[in-house]
């Protein structure tokens, strides 16, 4: 019986930790401008700056600036980190919608 209580407490601690992390990510995501939010999924999908620029009819330099801002605001250390964060954001949005 005591093991079940400990297991339940551990699960609650883990859940609270994940909720806190998602809230922090949501707050960072909310700092993005509409254009940065538009660029985020394109970067995360693996498109090059040149491809994003053509898709959004922007200059490549503008895309680079927005991409750097997205990385900084979401506190992503690498492209792989940005992809993971983007996936978490997408999951949170899908969860909130469903």
Protein backbone atom coordinates (compact mmCIF):
# COMPACT_ATOMS: atom_id res chain seq x y z
CA UNK A 1 0.00 0.00 0.00
CA UNK A 2 2.79 2.39 0.90
CA UNK A 3 4.50 1.69 -2.43
CA UNK A 4 1.35 2.73 -4.27
CA UNK A 5 1.26 6.02 -2.36
CA UNK A 6 4.93 6.71 -3.15
CA UNK A 7 4.33 5.85 -6.80
CA UNK A 8 1.34 8.20 -6.92
CA UNK A 9 3.34 11.02 -5.34
CA UNK A 10 6.18 10.50 -7.81
CA UNK A 11 3.72 10.60 -10.71
CA UNK A 12 2.18 13.81 -9.36
CA UNK A 13 5.60 15.44 -9.02
CA UNK A 14 6.45 14.49 -12.62
CA UNK A 15 3.12 15.78 -13.90
CA UNK A 16 3.54 19.09 -12.08
CA UNK A 17 7.04 19.41 -13.51
CA UNK A 18 5.77 18.86 -17.09
CA UNK A 19 2.92 21.33 -16.59
CA UNK A 20 5.37 23.94 -15.30
CA UNK A 21 7.70 23.36 -18.29
CA UNK A 22 4.81 23.66 -20.75
CA UNK A 23 3.64 26.89 -19.11
CA UNK A 24 7.15 28.35 -19.40
CA UNK A 25 7.31 27.30 -23.07
CA UNK A 26 3.87 28.81 -23.71
CA UNK A 27 5.00 32.11 -22.18
CA UNK A 28 8.12 32.14 -24.37
CA UNK A 29 6.02 31.28 -27.44
CA UNK A 30 3.69 34.20 -26.70
CA UNK A 31 6.65 36.59 -27.03
CA UNK A 32 6.97 35.69 -30.73
CA UNK A 33 5.65 38.17 -33.26
CA UNK A 34 3.10 36.96 -35.83
CA UNK A 35 5.86 36.76 -38.48
CA UNK A 36 8.11 34.76 -36.14
CA UNK A 37 5.21 32.37 -35.47
CA UNK A 38 4.82 32.00 -39.22
CA UNK A 39 8.51 31.23 -39.69
CA UNK A 40 8.84 28.78 -36.77
CA UNK A 41 7.11 25.78 -38.38
CA UNK A 42 8.92 26.37 -41.67
CA UNK A 43 12.30 26.35 -39.93
CA UNK A 44 11.33 23.34 -37.83
CA UNK A 45 10.24 21.45 -40.95
CA UNK A 46 13.79 21.70 -42.26
CA UNK A 47 13.37 24.35 -44.94
CA UNK A 48 16.42 26.47 -45.74
CA UNK A 49 16.30 30.23 -45.28
CA UNK A 50 16.19 30.69 -49.04
CA UNK A 51 13.14 28.41 -49.32
CA UNK A 52 11.36 30.16 -46.44
CA UNK A 53 12.11 33.53 -48.03
CA UNK A 54 10.59 32.40 -51.34
CA UNK A 55 7.54 30.91 -49.62
CA UNK A 56 6.82 34.06 -47.61
CA UNK A 57 8.07 36.50 -50.26
CA UNK A 58 10.70 37.94 -47.95
CA UNK A 59 14.40 38.54 -48.34
CA UNK A 60 16.73 35.85 -47.09
CA UNK A 61 18.29 38.34 -44.66
CA UNK A 62 14.87 39.06 -43.15
CA UNK A 63 14.29 35.34 -42.64
CA UNK A 64 17.69 35.01 -40.96
CA UNK A 65 16.84 37.84 -38.55
CA UNK A 66 13.44 36.36 -37.68
CA UNK A 67 14.94 32.89 -37.31
CA UNK A 68 17.58 34.22 -34.90
CA UNK A 69 14.87 35.98 -32.89
CA UNK A 70 12.83 32.77 -32.70
CA UNK A 71 15.87 30.83 -31.48
CA UNK A 72 16.62 33.47 -28.86
CA UNK A 73 13.06 33.95 -27.62
CA UNK A 74 12.38 30.22 -27.34
CA UNK A 75 15.83 29.69 -25.79
CA UNK A 76 16.75 27.05 -28.36
CA UNK A 77 20.45 26.19 -28.41
CA UNK A 78 20.34 24.41 -31.77
CA UNK A 79 18.07 23.61 -34.68
CA UNK A 80 17.38 20.19 -33.16
CA UNK A 81 16.37 21.91 -29.92
CA UNK A 82 14.09 24.24 -31.87
CA UNK A 83 12.44 21.27 -33.59
CA UNK A 84 11.77 19.61 -30.22
CA UNK A 85 10.30 22.84 -28.83
CA UNK A 86 8.18 23.29 -31.94
CA UNK A 87 6.83 19.76 -31.54
CA UNK A 88 5.95 20.47 -27.90
CA UNK A 89 4.19 23.68 -28.91
CA UNK A 90 2.24 21.83 -31.61
CA UNK A 91 1.21 19.15 -29.09
CA UNK A 92 0.07 21.80 -26.62
CA UNK A 93 -1.96 23.60 -29.28
CA UNK A 94 -3.52 20.33 -30.46
CA UNK A 95 -4.30 19.36 -26.87
CA UNK A 96 -5.91 22.72 -26.16
CA UNK A 97 -8.01 22.53 -29.33
CA UNK A 98 -9.14 18.95 -28.75
